[in-house]
Amino acid sequence: RRVPNLAIHPVENAAYRLEIGENELKIIRNADQLCLRTLQGNDWEPMFKDAFEKLEMIARWEKTIQLDNGETKLLVKPGGIFQSLKKDVEMVLSELDANGKVVFQHTGNEAIIDILQEEGRENKVPFKLEIRNNAGKPRHCALFFGSSNYRLIKAYNDEIPANSTVNAMQAKFQLNNGQAETSILKLIVSNKPIHPELLEQQNTFKLGETLSFWKNRDLLGVR
């Protein structure tokens, strides 16, 4: 059985689209037009099953990354009227030297880490990530490490006392000889315990992968 070419009218501002062509399905990310997955063949049932499973995985990842608790955006005044306001709960990313001392701190929403090479070898950049609870009451905080292939792994989950700081994560940035890599650190804050196992996403897929789903065309008389 053949599935004809379909003209799909994308939803305005949709982040992803599923393209259906002659013996082919493609999952496209609209932001950069990157083809995340290509399924080729004439066995449409498993092809669509695979495509929708991956789209559901992507949707769960996007939903978690975009979770936004308004309470985490509250600002608290640390002192006098002319002092700047702080976020209720904030993350601080610190680059470290070989002895573990802080050489640079990032407090914004984005951080660019320069990883240099020396004699063909990468100089990994050690770092630590602290969570500061500036509020006057304890907060439950869960930190997730997200990668560009839609993986989401818990890095920290605990209650942080009022007006205190914890070291939630310590590791090294590296590229593994790649040109660039994007990592996402997502912090979820709540007044109640958080269950990270409901949000984690261990299984993922290789971006740009092409899979084949061909039936025996000679026996079945399909193409």
N, C-alpha and C. Protein backbone atom coordinates (compact mmCIF):
# COMPACT_ATOMS: atom_id res chain seq x y z
N ARG A 1 0.85 -1.21 0.00
CA ARG A 1 0.00 0.00 0.00
C ARG A 1 0.88 1.24 0.00
N ARG A 2 0.59 2.14 -0.86
CA ARG A 2 1.37 3.36 -0.97
C ARG A 2 0.70 4.49 -0.22
N VAL A 3 1.52 5.36 0.33
CA VAL A 3 1.03 6.61 0.91
C VAL A 3 1.46 7.72 -0.04
N PRO A 4 0.53 8.46 -0.63
CA PRO A 4 0.90 9.49 -1.61
C PRO A 4 1.58 10.67 -0.94
N ASN A 5 2.25 11.46 -1.78
CA ASN A 5 2.83 12.71 -1.26
C ASN A 5 1.71 13.59 -0.72
N LEU A 6 1.96 14.16 0.43
CA LEU A 6 0.95 15.02 1.06
C LEU A 6 1.48 16.43 1.21
N ALA A 7 0.63 17.38 0.93
CA ALA A 7 0.99 18.78 1.16
C ALA A 7 0.55 19.14 2.57
N ILE A 8 1.52 19.29 3.47
CA ILE A 8 1.21 19.59 4.86
C ILE A 8 1.31 21.10 5.07
N HIS A 9 0.26 21.68 5.59
CA HIS A 9 0.26 23.12 5.89
C HIS A 9 0.68 23.30 7.34
N PRO A 10 1.91 23.78 7.58
CA PRO A 10 2.41 23.87 8.97
C PRO A 10 1.62 24.88 9.79
N VAL A 11 1.46 24.55 11.08
CA VAL A 11 0.83 25.48 12.01
C VAL A 11 1.76 26.67 12.21
N GLU A 12 1.19 27.85 12.23
CA GLU A 12 1.99 29.05 12.39
C GLU A 12 2.77 28.99 13.70
N ASN A 13 4.06 29.30 13.61
CA ASN A 13 4.97 29.32 14.76
C ASN A 13 5.23 27.94 15.36
N ALA A 14 4.89 26.86 14.66
CA ALA A 14 5.19 25.52 15.16
C ALA A 14 6.71 25.33 15.22
N ALA A 15 7.18 24.66 16.26
CA ALA A 15 8.62 24.48 16.44
C ALA A 15 9.15 23.34 15.59
N TYR A 16 8.29 22.37 15.25
CA TYR A 16 8.72 21.20 14.49
C TYR A 16 7.66 20.86 13.45
N ARG A 17 8.07 20.10 12.45
CA ARG A 17 7.11 19.63 11.46
C ARG A 17 7.49 18.23 10.99
N LEU A 18 6.48 17.49 10.55
CA LEU A 18 6.68 16.16 9.99
C LEU A 18 6.43 16.22 8.50
N GLU A 19 7.45 15.97 7.71
CA GLU A 19 7.32 16.00 6.26
C GLU A 19 7.10 14.58 5.74
N ILE A 20 6.10 14.42 4.88
CA ILE A 20 5.77 13.12 4.31
C ILE A 20 6.00 13.18 2.81
N GLY A 21 6.86 12.30 2.32
CA GLY A 21 7.16 12.28 0.89
C GLY A 21 7.08 10.88 0.33
N GLU A 22 7.61 10.68 -0.84
CA GLU A 22 7.62 9.38 -1.50
C GLU A 22 8.53 8.43 -0.72
N ASN A 23 7.91 7.45 -0.04
CA ASN A 23 8.66 6.47 0.75
C ASN A 23 9.58 7.13 1.78
N GLU A 24 9.10 8.20 2.42
CA GLU A 24 9.99 8.91 3.33
C GLU A 24 9.20 9.77 4.33
N LEU A 25 9.65 9.75 5.58
CA LEU A 25 9.18 10.67 6.61
C LEU A 25 10.38 11.41 7.16
N LYS A 26 10.20 12.71 7.44
CA LYS A 26 11.28 13.50 8.02
C LYS A 26 10.74 14.34 9.17
N ILE A 27 11.49 14.39 10.27
CA ILE A 27 11.18 15.29 11.37
C ILE A 27 12.12 16.49 11.25
N ILE A 28 11.55 17.68 11.09
CA ILE A 28 12.33 18.89 10.85
C ILE A 28 12.14 19.85 12.02
N ARG A 29 13.25 20.41 12.51
CA ARG A 29 13.17 21.48 13.51
C ARG A 29 13.14 22.80 12.77
N ASN A 30 12.07 23.56 12.93
CA ASN A 30 11.87 24.75 12.12
C ASN A 30 12.86 25.88 12.42
N ALA A 31 13.34 25.95 13.66
CA ALA A 31 14.21 27.07 14.04
C ALA A 31 15.46 27.14 13.17
N ASP A 32 16.06 25.99 12.87
CA ASP A 32 17.27 25.97 12.05
C ASP A 32 17.16 25.06 10.84
N GLN A 33 15.94 24.56 10.59
CA GLN A 33 15.66 23.67 9.46
C GLN A 33 16.50 22.39 9.51
N LEU A 34 16.89 21.99 10.71
CA LEU A 34 17.68 20.77 10.87
C LEU A 34 16.78 19.55 10.76
N CYS A 35 17.19 18.59 9.94
CA CYS A 35 16.47 17.32 9.84
C CYS A 35 16.92 16.43 10.98
N LEU A 36 16.02 16.20 11.93
CA LEU A 36 16.38 15.42 13.12
C LEU A 36 16.37 13.92 12.87
N ARG A 37 15.50 13.48 11.97
CA ARG A 37 15.36 12.04 11.73
C ARG A 37 14.72 11.81 10.38
N THR A 38 15.24 10.81 9.65
CA THR A 38 14.69 10.44 8.35
C THR A 38 14.33 8.96 8.39
N LEU A 39 13.10 8.65 7.99
CA LEU A 39 12.63 7.27 7.94
C LEU A 39 12.28 6.96 6.49
N GLN A 40 12.93 5.98 5.94
CA GLN A 40 12.71 5.64 4.53
C GLN A 40 12.15 4.23 4.42
N GLY A 41 11.22 4.03 3.48
CA GLY A 41 10.68 2.70 3.25
C GLY A 41 9.24 2.74 2.82
N ASN A 42 8.63 1.54 2.81
CA ASN A 42 7.22 1.42 2.43
C ASN A 42 6.40 0.73 3.50
N ASP A 43 7.00 0.51 4.67
CA ASP A 43 6.28 -0.09 5.79
C ASP A 43 5.82 1.05 6.70
N TRP A 44 4.70 1.65 6.33
CA TRP A 44 4.31 2.92 6.93
C TRP A 44 3.92 2.82 8.40
N GLU A 45 3.35 1.72 8.83
CA GLU A 45 2.90 1.63 10.22
C GLU A 45 4.06 1.80 11.21
N PRO A 46 5.16 1.02 11.10
CA PRO A 46 6.28 1.26 12.03
C PRO A 46 6.98 2.59 11.79
N MET A 47 6.93 3.11 10.56
CA MET A 47 7.54 4.41 10.29
C MET A 47 6.82 5.50 11.06
N PHE A 48 5.47 5.51 10.98
CA PHE A 48 4.72 6.52 11.71
C PHE A 48 4.83 6.30 13.21
N LYS A 49 4.87 5.04 13.65
CA LYS A 49 5.02 4.75 15.08
C LYS A 49 6.32 5.33 15.60
N ASP A 50 7.41 5.13 14.86
CA ASP A 50 8.71 5.67 15.26
C ASP A 50 8.68 7.20 15.26
N ALA A 51 8.12 7.79 14.23
CA ALA A 51 8.08 9.24 14.12
C ALA A 51 7.30 9.87 15.28
N PHE A 52 6.14 9.31 15.60
CA PHE A 52 5.33 9.90 16.67
C PHE A 52 5.95 9.66 18.04
N GLU A 53 6.63 8.53 18.23
CA GLU A 53 7.34 8.31 19.49
C GLU A 53 8.42 9.36 19.70
N LYS A 54 9.16 9.68 18.64
CA LYS A 54 10.22 10.68 18.76
C LYS A 54 9.63 12.08 18.94
N LEU A 55 8.54 12.37 18.26
CA LEU A 55 7.90 13.68 18.44
C LEU A 55 7.36 13.84 19.85
N GLU A 56 6.81 12.77 20.42
CA GLU A 56 6.35 12.83 21.81
C GLU A 56 7.53 13.05 22.76
N MET A 57 8.66 12.41 22.48
CA MET A 57 9.85 12.59 23.29
C MET A 57 10.32 14.05 23.23
N ILE A 58 10.34 14.60 22.03
CA ILE A 58 10.74 15.99 21.84
C ILE A 58 9.78 16.93 22.58
N ALA A 59 8.47 16.63 22.49
CA ALA A 59 7.46 17.48 23.14
C ALA A 59 7.64 17.46 24.65
N ARG A 60 7.92 16.29 25.23
CA ARG A 60 8.13 16.21 26.68
C ARG A 60 9.36 17.02 27.09
N TRP A 61 10.42 16.90 26.31
CA TRP A 61 11.66 17.64 26.59
C TRP A 61 11.41 19.14 26.53
N GLU A 62 10.74 19.59 25.48
CA GLU A 62 10.46 21.02 25.33
C GLU A 62 9.57 21.53 26.46
N LYS A 63 8.59 20.74 26.86
CA LYS A 63 7.68 21.16 27.94
C LYS A 63 8.45 21.34 29.25
N THR A 64 9.35 20.39 29.55
CA THR A 64 10.12 20.48 30.79
C THR A 64 11.07 21.66 30.75
N ILE A 65 11.76 21.85 29.62
CA ILE A 65 12.71 22.96 29.50
C ILE A 65 12.00 24.30 29.64
N GLN A 66 10.75 24.37 29.18
CA GLN A 66 10.03 25.64 29.20
C GLN A 66 9.18 25.82 30.45
N LEU A 67 9.21 24.85 31.37
CA LEU A 67 8.48 25.03 32.63
C LEU A 67 8.91 26.32 33.29
N ASP A 68 7.96 27.09 33.75
CA ASP A 68 8.29 28.40 34.31
C ASP A 68 7.40 28.64 35.53
N ASN A 69 7.98 28.47 36.70
CA ASN A 69 7.25 28.73 37.94
C ASN A 69 7.42 30.20 38.28
N GLY A 70 6.32 30.93 38.28
CA GLY A 70 6.39 32.36 38.54
C GLY A 70 7.05 32.69 39.87
N GLU A 71 6.92 31.78 40.84
CA GLU A 71 7.48 32.05 42.15
C GLU A 71 9.00 32.12 42.10
N THR A 72 9.61 31.41 41.18
CA THR A 72 11.07 31.44 41.09
C THR A 72 11.55 32.78 40.55
N LYS A 73 10.64 33.59 40.04
CA LYS A 73 11.05 34.88 39.50
C LYS A 73 10.88 36.01 40.51
N LEU A 74 10.38 35.70 41.68
CA LEU A 74 10.23 36.73 42.69
C LEU A 74 11.58 37.35 43.03
N LEU A 75 11.58 38.61 43.28
CA LEU A 75 12.80 39.30 43.66
C LEU A 75 12.76 39.66 45.13
N VAL A 76 13.87 39.49 45.80
CA VAL A 76 13.93 39.84 47.22
C VAL A 76 14.95 40.94 47.42
N LYS A 77 14.62 41.85 48.30
CA LYS A 77 15.50 42.99 48.55
C LYS A 77 16.47 42.63 49.69
N PRO A 78 17.78 42.57 49.40
CA PRO A 78 18.71 42.11 50.42
C PRO A 78 19.03 43.15 51.48
N GLY A 79 18.74 44.41 51.26
CA GLY A 79 19.14 45.40 52.25
C GLY A 79 18.47 46.73 52.02
N GLY A 80 19.31 47.77 51.90
CA GLY A 80 18.82 49.14 51.78
C GLY A 80 18.03 49.37 50.52
N ILE A 81 17.33 50.46 50.48
CA ILE A 81 16.42 50.76 49.40
C ILE A 81 17.15 50.94 48.07
N PHE A 82 18.43 51.32 48.10
CA PHE A 82 19.16 51.55 46.86
C PHE A 82 19.92 50.32 46.37
N GLN A 83 19.84 49.20 47.09
CA GLN A 83 20.51 47.99 46.64
C GLN A 83 19.67 47.30 45.58
N SER A 84 20.35 46.63 44.66
CA SER A 84 19.65 45.93 43.59
C SER A 84 18.90 44.72 44.15
N LEU A 85 17.86 44.33 43.45
CA LEU A 85 17.07 43.19 43.87
C LEU A 85 17.69 41.90 43.38
N LYS A 86 17.48 40.82 44.12
CA LYS A 86 17.97 39.50 43.75
C LYS A 86 16.80 38.61 43.37
N LYS A 87 17.10 37.59 42.58
CA LYS A 87 16.10 36.58 42.31
C LYS A 87 15.87 35.76 43.56
N ASP A 88 14.65 35.27 43.68
CA ASP A 88 14.30 34.43 44.82
C ASP A 88 15.26 33.25 44.92
N VAL A 89 15.43 32.53 43.82
CA VAL A 89 16.39 31.42 43.74
C VAL A 89 17.18 31.62 42.45
N GLU A 90 18.48 31.50 42.52
CA GLU A 90 19.31 31.73 41.33
C GLU A 90 20.43 30.71 41.25
N MET A 91 20.90 30.52 40.02
CA MET A 91 22.04 29.64 39.76
C MET A 91 23.27 30.49 39.46
N VAL A 92 24.42 30.03 39.93
CA VAL A 92 25.69 30.69 39.64
C VAL A 92 26.65 29.63 39.10
N LEU A 93 27.11 29.84 37.88
CA LEU A 93 28.05 28.92 37.24
C LEU A 93 29.45 29.51 37.35
N SER A 94 30.37 28.77 37.95
CA SER A 94 31.73 29.26 38.18
C SER A 94 32.73 28.38 37.44
N GLU A 95 33.55 29.03 36.59
CA GLU A 95 34.68 28.32 35.99
C GLU A 95 35.79 28.23 37.02
N LEU A 96 36.46 27.08 37.07
CA LEU A 96 37.49 26.84 38.07
C LEU A 96 38.85 26.63 37.41
N ASP A 97 39.91 26.89 38.18
CA ASP A 97 41.25 26.56 37.69
C ASP A 97 41.61 25.15 38.13
N ALA A 98 42.84 24.74 37.86
CA ALA A 98 43.27 23.37 38.16
C ALA A 98 43.25 23.09 39.66
N ASN A 99 43.29 24.13 40.48
CA ASN A 99 43.28 23.96 41.93
C ASN A 99 41.89 24.10 42.54
N GLY A 100 40.87 24.26 41.67
CA GLY A 100 39.50 24.36 42.16
C GLY A 100 39.09 25.75 42.59
N LYS A 101 39.91 26.76 42.28
CA LYS A 101 39.57 28.14 42.65
C LYS A 101 38.76 28.79 41.53
N VAL A 102 37.83 29.66 41.93
CA VAL A 102 36.96 30.33 40.96
C VAL A 102 37.77 31.36 40.17
N VAL A 103 37.67 31.27 38.81
CA VAL A 103 38.35 32.25 37.96
C VAL A 103 37.35 33.15 37.24
N PHE A 104 36.10 32.67 37.11
CA PHE A 104 35.08 33.50 36.45
C PHE A 104 33.71 32.96 36.83
N GLN A 105 32.75 33.88 37.02
CA GLN A 105 31.40 33.48 37.37
C GLN A 105 30.40 33.98 36.34
N HIS A 106 29.41 33.12 36.03
CA HIS A 106 28.32 33.47 35.12
C HIS A 106 27.03 33.46 35.93
N THR A 107 26.28 34.55 35.85
CA THR A 107 25.01 34.63 36.56
C THR A 107 23.83 34.92 35.63
N GLY A 108 24.09 35.08 34.34
CA GLY A 108 23.02 35.38 33.39
C GLY A 108 22.32 34.12 32.93
N ASN A 109 21.45 34.27 31.94
CA ASN A 109 20.69 33.14 31.40
C ASN A 109 21.52 32.29 30.45
N GLU A 110 22.59 32.85 29.90
CA GLU A 110 23.45 32.11 28.98
C GLU A 110 24.90 32.31 29.37
N ALA A 111 25.70 31.28 29.09
CA ALA A 111 27.14 31.36 29.34
C ALA A 111 27.87 30.73 28.17
N ILE A 112 28.91 31.40 27.69
CA ILE A 112 29.76 30.87 26.63
C ILE A 112 31.08 30.45 27.25
N ILE A 113 31.42 29.18 27.11
CA ILE A 113 32.64 28.63 27.69
C ILE A 113 33.64 28.38 26.56
N ASP A 114 34.80 28.98 26.66
CA ASP A 114 35.85 28.77 25.66
C ASP A 114 36.69 27.56 26.05
N ILE A 115 36.74 26.59 25.15
CA ILE A 115 37.55 25.39 25.36
C ILE A 115 38.68 25.41 24.33
N LEU A 116 39.88 25.61 24.80
CA LEU A 116 41.04 25.76 23.92
C LEU A 116 41.77 24.43 23.75
N GLN A 117 42.57 24.37 22.71
CA GLN A 117 43.38 23.18 22.45
C GLN A 117 44.85 23.52 22.61
N GLU A 118 45.59 22.57 23.14
CA GLU A 118 47.02 22.72 23.31
C GLU A 118 47.70 21.44 22.84
N GLU A 119 48.50 21.59 21.77
CA GLU A 119 49.17 20.45 21.15
C GLU A 119 48.17 19.36 20.76
N GLY A 120 47.04 19.82 20.20
CA GLY A 120 46.03 18.89 19.69
C GLY A 120 45.13 18.29 20.75
N ARG A 121 45.28 18.70 22.01
CA ARG A 121 44.46 18.15 23.08
C ARG A 121 43.59 19.25 23.69
N GLU A 122 42.35 18.89 23.98
CA GLU A 122 41.44 19.86 24.59
C GLU A 122 41.82 20.13 26.04
N ASN A 123 41.73 21.39 26.40
CA ASN A 123 41.87 21.77 27.80
C ASN A 123 40.48 21.83 28.41
N LYS A 124 40.08 20.76 29.08
CA LYS A 124 38.75 20.73 29.68
C LYS A 124 38.62 21.83 30.72
N VAL A 125 37.42 22.37 30.83
CA VAL A 125 37.18 23.48 31.75
C VAL A 125 36.38 22.98 32.95
N PRO A 126 37.01 22.87 34.11
CA PRO A 126 36.26 22.47 35.31
C PRO A 126 35.31 23.58 35.75
N PHE A 127 34.18 23.18 36.31
CA PHE A 127 33.20 24.17 36.76
C PHE A 127 32.41 23.61 37.94
N LYS A 128 31.76 24.52 38.63
CA LYS A 128 30.78 24.14 39.64
C LYS A 128 29.55 25.00 39.46
N LEU A 129 28.41 24.45 39.82
CA LEU A 129 27.16 25.19 39.70
C LEU A 129 26.51 25.24 41.08
N GLU A 130 26.32 26.45 41.56
CA GLU A 130 25.71 26.65 42.88
C GLU A 130 24.28 27.14 42.72
N ILE A 131 23.44 26.73 43.66
CA ILE A 131 22.07 27.22 43.73
C ILE A 131 21.95 28.05 45.00
N ARG A 132 21.53 29.29 44.83
CA ARG A 132 21.38 30.20 45.96
C ARG A 132 19.91 30.42 46.25
N ASN A 133 19.53 30.11 47.48
CA ASN A 133 18.17 30.39 47.93
C ASN A 133 18.19 31.69 48.71
N ASN A 134 17.77 32.77 48.08
CA ASN A 134 17.77 34.09 48.71
C ASN A 134 16.48 34.37 49.49
N ALA A 135 15.57 33.40 49.48
CA ALA A 135 14.28 33.61 50.14
C ALA A 135 14.37 33.34 51.63
N GLY A 136 13.36 33.76 52.33
CA GLY A 136 13.33 33.58 53.78
C GLY A 136 12.71 32.27 54.20
N LYS A 137 12.53 31.34 53.28
CA LYS A 137 11.99 30.03 53.63
C LYS A 137 12.66 28.97 52.74
N PRO A 138 12.66 27.71 53.16
CA PRO A 138 13.30 26.64 52.37
C PRO A 138 12.63 26.48 51.01
N ARG A 139 13.41 26.01 50.05
CA ARG A 139 12.90 25.72 48.71
C ARG A 139 13.37 24.33 48.28
N HIS A 140 12.47 23.58 47.66
CA HIS A 140 12.86 22.32 47.04
C HIS A 140 13.36 22.64 45.63
N CYS A 141 14.55 22.19 45.30
CA CYS A 141 15.16 22.51 44.01
C CYS A 141 15.62 21.24 43.31
N ALA A 142 15.30 21.14 42.04
CA ALA A 142 15.75 20.04 41.20
C ALA A 142 16.47 20.62 40.00
N LEU A 143 17.69 20.18 39.79
CA LEU A 143 18.50 20.65 38.66
C LEU A 143 18.61 19.52 37.64
N PHE A 144 18.33 19.86 36.38
CA PHE A 144 18.40 18.88 35.30
C PHE A 144 19.43 19.33 34.28
N PHE A 145 20.16 18.35 33.75
CA PHE A 145 21.13 18.59 32.69
C PHE A 145 20.52 18.12 31.38
N GLY A 146 20.31 19.04 30.46
CA GLY A 146 19.71 18.71 29.18
C GLY A 146 20.70 18.86 28.05
N SER A 147 20.65 17.95 27.09
CA SER A 147 21.56 18.01 25.94
C SER A 147 20.76 18.24 24.67
N SER A 148 21.46 18.57 23.60
CA SER A 148 20.80 18.93 22.35
C SER A 148 20.14 17.74 21.66
N ASN A 149 20.41 16.51 22.12
CA ASN A 149 19.74 15.35 21.54
C ASN A 149 18.54 14.91 22.39
N TYR A 150 18.00 15.86 23.17
CA TYR A 150 16.74 15.69 23.90
C TYR A 150 16.85 14.73 25.09
N ARG A 151 18.05 14.62 25.62
CA ARG A 151 18.23 13.88 26.88
C ARG A 151 18.04 14.85 28.04
N LEU A 152 17.51 14.37 29.14
CA LEU A 152 17.30 15.19 30.33
C LEU A 152 17.58 14.33 31.56
N ILE A 153 18.62 14.70 32.30
CA ILE A 153 19.09 13.87 33.42
C ILE A 153 19.14 14.71 34.69
N LYS A 154 18.70 14.13 35.79
CA LYS A 154 18.75 14.83 37.07
C LYS A 154 20.19 14.97 37.54
N ALA A 155 20.56 16.18 37.94
CA ALA A 155 21.89 16.42 38.49
C ALA A 155 21.84 16.72 39.98
N TYR A 156 20.69 17.19 40.47
CA TYR A 156 20.55 17.55 41.89
C TYR A 156 19.09 17.60 42.24
N ASN A 157 18.75 17.16 43.45
CA ASN A 157 17.37 17.26 43.92
C ASN A 157 17.37 17.23 45.44
N ASP A 158 17.05 18.37 46.08
CA ASP A 158 17.04 18.43 47.54
C ASP A 158 16.39 19.73 47.99
N GLU A 159 16.14 19.80 49.28
CA GLU A 159 15.61 21.03 49.86
C GLU A 159 16.78 21.92 50.27
N ILE A 160 16.70 23.19 49.90
CA ILE A 160 17.75 24.15 50.24
C ILE A 160 17.22 25.08 51.32
N PRO A 161 17.90 25.17 52.45
CA PRO A 161 17.41 26.03 53.54
C PRO A 161 17.34 27.49 53.11
N ALA A 162 16.60 28.26 53.86
CA ALA A 162 16.46 29.69 53.59
C ALA A 162 17.81 30.39 53.66
N ASN A 163 17.99 31.34 52.76
CA ASN A 163 19.20 32.19 52.74
C ASN A 163 20.49 31.36 52.80
N SER A 164 20.57 30.39 51.92
CA SER A 164 21.77 29.54 51.89
C SER A 164 22.11 29.16 50.46
N THR A 165 23.32 28.63 50.29
CA THR A 165 23.83 28.25 48.97
C THR A 165 24.35 26.82 49.03
N VAL A 166 24.06 26.04 47.99
CA VAL A 166 24.58 24.68 47.91
C VAL A 166 25.33 24.50 46.60
N ASN A 167 26.32 23.63 46.64
CA ASN A 167 27.05 23.24 45.43
C ASN A 167 26.30 22.07 44.81
N ALA A 168 25.53 22.35 43.75
CA ALA A 168 24.63 21.35 43.18
C ALA A 168 25.29 20.45 42.15
N MET A 169 26.37 20.91 41.53
CA MET A 169 26.97 20.14 40.44
C MET A 169 28.40 20.57 40.24
N GLN A 170 29.28 19.60 40.01
CA GLN A 170 30.67 19.92 39.71
C GLN A 170 31.17 18.92 38.67
N ALA A 171 31.69 19.44 37.56
CA ALA A 171 32.12 18.59 36.46
C ALA A 171 33.08 19.37 35.58
N LYS A 172 33.26 18.90 34.33
CA LYS A 172 34.14 19.58 33.38
C LYS A 172 33.43 19.74 32.04
N PHE A 173 33.58 20.92 31.45
CA PHE A 173 33.08 21.13 30.10
C PHE A 173 34.11 20.57 29.12
N GLN A 174 33.61 19.86 28.09
CA GLN A 174 34.49 19.34 27.06
C GLN A 174 33.71 19.21 25.75
N LEU A 175 34.42 19.19 24.66
CA LEU A 175 33.79 19.11 23.34
C LEU A 175 33.98 17.76 22.67
N ASN A 176 34.93 16.96 23.17
CA ASN A 176 35.25 15.68 22.53
C ASN A 176 35.57 15.89 21.05
N ASN A 177 36.39 16.92 20.80
CA ASN A 177 36.88 17.26 19.45
C ASN A 177 35.78 17.77 18.52
N GLY A 178 34.66 18.17 19.08
CA GLY A 178 33.62 18.77 18.26
C GLY A 178 33.85 20.26 18.11
N GLN A 179 33.05 20.89 17.26
CA GLN A 179 33.20 22.32 17.01
C GLN A 179 32.49 23.15 18.07
N ALA A 180 31.31 22.71 18.47
CA ALA A 180 30.52 23.45 19.46
C ALA A 180 29.48 22.51 20.04
N GLU A 181 29.03 22.81 21.21
CA GLU A 181 28.03 21.98 21.87
C GLU A 181 27.18 22.88 22.75
N THR A 182 25.88 22.58 22.79
CA THR A 182 24.97 23.35 23.63
C THR A 182 24.43 22.45 24.73
N SER A 183 24.58 22.89 25.96
CA SER A 183 24.03 22.17 27.11
C SER A 183 23.06 23.09 27.83
N ILE A 184 22.04 22.49 28.41
CA ILE A 184 21.01 23.25 29.10
C ILE A 184 20.94 22.79 30.55
N LEU A 185 21.00 23.74 31.46
CA LEU A 185 20.83 23.47 32.87
C LEU A 185 19.49 24.06 33.30
N LYS A 186 18.56 23.20 33.63
CA LYS A 186 17.20 23.62 33.97
C LYS A 186 16.97 23.45 35.47
N LEU A 187 16.61 24.53 36.13
CA LEU A 187 16.33 24.50 37.56
C LEU A 187 14.82 24.62 37.79
N ILE A 188 14.28 23.68 38.54
CA ILE A 188 12.87 23.70 38.92
C ILE A 188 12.78 23.90 40.42
N VAL A 189 11.97 24.87 40.84
CA VAL A 189 11.86 25.24 42.25
C VAL A 189 10.42 25.07 42.70
N SER A 190 10.26 24.53 43.91
CA SER A 190 8.92 24.30 44.42
C SER A 190 8.93 24.41 45.95
N ASN A 191 7.74 24.65 46.51
CA ASN A 191 7.59 24.61 47.96
C ASN A 191 7.37 23.18 48.46
N LYS A 192 7.15 22.26 47.53
CA LYS A 192 6.92 20.86 47.88
C LYS A 192 8.00 19.99 47.24
N PRO A 193 8.19 18.77 47.75
CA PRO A 193 9.20 17.87 47.15
C PRO A 193 8.94 17.65 45.67
N ILE A 194 10.02 17.55 44.90
CA ILE A 194 9.96 17.35 43.45
C ILE A 194 10.33 15.90 43.15
N HIS A 195 9.64 15.31 42.19
CA HIS A 195 9.91 13.93 41.78
C HIS A 195 10.58 13.95 40.41
N PRO A 196 11.90 14.01 40.36
CA PRO A 196 12.60 14.17 39.08
C PRO A 196 12.42 13.00 38.13
N GLU A 197 12.11 11.82 38.67
CA GLU A 197 11.95 10.65 37.79
C GLU A 197 10.78 10.83 36.82
N LEU A 198 9.87 11.74 37.16
CA LEU A 198 8.74 12.00 36.26
C LEU A 198 9.13 12.89 35.08
N LEU A 199 10.28 13.55 35.20
CA LEU A 199 10.71 14.49 34.17
C LEU A 199 11.95 14.03 33.42
N GLU A 200 12.71 13.11 34.02
CA GLU A 200 13.93 12.65 33.36
C GLU A 200 13.63 11.96 32.04
N GLN A 201 14.57 12.06 31.13
CA GLN A 201 14.45 11.43 29.82
C GLN A 201 15.82 10.87 29.44
N GLN A 202 16.03 9.61 29.81
CA GLN A 202 17.33 8.98 29.60
C GLN A 202 17.51 8.54 28.15
N ASN A 203 16.49 7.88 27.62
CA ASN A 203 16.58 7.36 26.25
C ASN A 203 16.39 8.49 25.24
N THR A 204 17.16 8.46 24.20
CA THR A 204 17.05 9.51 23.19
C THR A 204 17.38 8.92 21.83
N PHE A 205 17.72 9.75 20.87
CA PHE A 205 18.06 9.25 19.54
C PHE A 205 19.17 10.10 18.94
N LYS A 206 19.82 9.55 17.95
CA LYS A 206 20.93 10.23 17.30
C LYS A 206 20.38 11.23 16.27
N LEU A 207 20.75 12.48 16.42
CA LEU A 207 20.26 13.51 15.50
C LEU A 207 20.80 13.26 14.10
N GLY A 208 19.93 13.42 13.11
CA GLY A 208 20.33 13.24 11.72
C GLY A 208 20.33 11.81 11.25
N GLU A 209 19.89 10.90 12.09
CA GLU A 209 19.94 9.47 11.74
C GLU A 209 18.91 9.14 10.67
N THR A 210 19.27 8.19 9.80
CA THR A 210 18.37 7.68 8.76
C THR A 210 18.15 6.20 8.98
N LEU A 211 16.87 5.78 9.04
CA LEU A 211 16.52 4.38 9.24
C LEU A 211 15.68 3.89 8.07
N SER A 212 15.77 2.59 7.80
CA SER A 212 15.04 1.99 6.69
C SER A 212 13.94 1.07 7.20
N PHE A 213 12.78 1.11 6.54
CA PHE A 213 11.64 0.29 6.89
C PHE A 213 11.04 -0.31 5.61
N TRP A 214 11.83 -1.08 4.90
CA TRP A 214 11.38 -1.65 3.64
C TRP A 214 10.77 -3.03 3.84
N LYS A 215 9.59 -3.25 3.24
CA LYS A 215 9.03 -4.58 3.13
C LYS A 215 9.62 -5.26 1.91
N ASN A 216 9.38 -6.56 1.79
CA ASN A 216 9.81 -7.29 0.60
C ASN A 216 8.89 -6.90 -0.54
N ARG A 217 9.37 -6.03 -1.39
CA ARG A 217 8.51 -5.49 -2.44
C ARG A 217 8.15 -6.51 -3.50
N ASP A 218 9.03 -7.46 -3.76
CA ASP A 218 8.73 -8.46 -4.79
C ASP A 218 7.57 -9.36 -4.37
N LEU A 219 7.53 -9.73 -3.05
CA LEU A 219 6.49 -10.61 -2.58
C LEU A 219 5.16 -9.89 -2.40
N LEU A 220 5.23 -8.68 -1.92
CA LEU A 220 4.01 -7.96 -1.57
C LEU A 220 3.46 -7.12 -2.71
N GLY A 221 4.29 -6.88 -3.71
CA GLY A 221 3.84 -6.11 -4.86
C GLY A 221 3.57 -4.66 -4.53
N VAL A 222 4.35 -4.12 -3.61
CA VAL A 222 4.19 -2.71 -3.25
C VAL A 222 5.48 -1.99 -3.53
N ARG A 223 5.40 -0.69 -3.52
CA ARG A 223 6.63 0.11 -3.73
C ARG A 223 6.52 1.39 -2.92
